[in-house]
């Protein structure tokens, strides 16, 4: 009787402890530009080795923009990018 209760519980624990895509480590970065718009050039902390890149170039490297903020007073823009998973 007890074994019939233990096996489903163990199966549930094993299933819940399996890694999933949603909690997998993601690669990302923060990038800044002194301008905003489709032609803005962004410099990222680690991606691109300090070179200025456009949004198009970031996407070509396999990243996507997940957040952005434009500072109206200074004209600076910050974007947060994340490596796309396929």
Protein backbone atom coordinates (compact mmCIF):
# COMPACT_ATOMS: atom_id res chain seq x y z
CA UNK A 1 0.00 0.00 0.00
CA UNK A 2 2.66 2.52 0.99
CA UNK A 3 4.69 1.76 -2.14
CA UNK A 4 1.71 2.76 -4.29
CA UNK A 5 1.83 6.21 -2.69
CA UNK A 6 5.62 6.60 -2.75
CA UNK A 7 6.18 5.90 -6.47
CA UNK A 8 3.85 8.65 -7.75
CA UNK A 9 5.36 11.08 -5.23
CA UNK A 10 8.90 10.25 -6.36
CA UNK A 11 7.85 10.62 -9.99
CA UNK A 12 6.36 14.03 -9.25
CA UNK A 13 9.50 15.23 -7.46
CA UNK A 14 11.70 14.02 -10.34
CA UNK A 15 9.48 15.73 -12.89
CA UNK A 16 9.47 19.03 -10.99
CA UNK A 17 13.23 19.01 -10.52
CA UNK A 18 13.99 18.59 -14.25
CA UNK A 19 15.46 21.72 -15.83
CA UNK A 20 13.14 23.58 -18.16
CA UNK A 21 13.74 26.19 -20.82
CA UNK A 22 12.13 28.89 -18.70
CA UNK A 23 14.67 28.55 -15.89
CA UNK A 24 17.70 27.91 -18.10
CA UNK A 25 20.50 30.46 -17.86
CA UNK A 26 20.22 33.15 -20.52
CA UNK A 27 22.98 35.31 -21.95
CA UNK A 28 22.28 39.01 -22.07
CA UNK A 29 23.76 42.47 -21.84
CA UNK A 30 22.97 46.14 -21.32
CA UNK A 31 23.75 48.54 -24.17
CA UNK A 32 23.69 52.33 -24.40
CA UNK A 33 23.47 54.90 -27.18
CA UNK A 34 23.69 58.67 -27.21
CA UNK A 35 20.74 58.77 -29.59
CA UNK A 36 17.61 56.79 -30.31
CA UNK A 37 15.87 55.62 -33.44
CA UNK A 38 16.42 52.99 -36.09
CA UNK A 39 19.94 54.25 -36.92
CA UNK A 40 21.20 54.51 -33.33
CA UNK A 41 24.54 52.89 -32.56
CA UNK A 42 24.66 50.93 -29.29
CA UNK A 43 27.69 50.00 -27.24
CA UNK A 44 27.22 46.97 -25.03
CA UNK A 45 29.08 45.94 -21.88
CA UNK A 46 30.34 42.63 -23.29
CA UNK A 47 28.66 41.89 -26.63
CA UNK A 48 30.59 43.27 -29.60
CA UNK A 49 33.89 43.90 -27.78
CA UNK A 50 33.10 47.57 -27.20
CA UNK A 51 32.18 48.28 -30.82
CA UNK A 52 29.12 50.35 -31.69
CA UNK A 53 26.34 48.28 -33.30
CA UNK A 54 22.85 48.85 -34.66
CA UNK A 55 19.79 46.91 -33.55
CA UNK A 56 19.98 45.01 -36.85
CA UNK A 57 23.56 43.96 -36.13
CA UNK A 58 22.60 42.81 -32.62
CA UNK A 59 19.82 40.67 -34.08
CA UNK A 60 22.26 39.25 -36.66
CA UNK A 61 24.47 38.18 -33.74
CA UNK A 62 21.50 36.28 -32.31
CA UNK A 63 20.28 38.77 -29.69
CA UNK A 64 16.90 40.41 -29.22
CA UNK A 65 15.87 43.54 -27.35
CA UNK A 66 13.84 42.69 -24.26
CA UNK A 67 13.65 46.15 -22.70
CA UNK A 68 14.51 49.74 -23.53
CA UNK A 69 14.43 53.16 -21.95
CA UNK A 70 15.08 56.58 -23.50
CA UNK A 71 16.17 59.43 -21.24
CA UNK A 72 14.41 62.50 -22.66
CA UNK A 73 16.64 65.08 -20.96
CA UNK A 74 19.93 63.61 -22.21
CA UNK A 75 18.81 61.79 -25.36
CA UNK A 76 20.56 58.62 -24.18
CA UNK A 77 18.96 55.24 -24.71
CA UNK A 78 19.54 52.01 -22.77
CA UNK A 79 18.50 48.62 -24.12
CA UNK A 80 18.65 45.21 -22.50
CA UNK A 81 19.39 42.39 -24.93
CA UNK A 82 19.11 38.64 -24.55
CA UNK A 83 20.49 35.76 -26.62
CA UNK A 84 17.70 34.18 -28.64
CA UNK A 85 17.15 30.49 -27.99
CA UNK A 86 16.91 29.20 -31.53
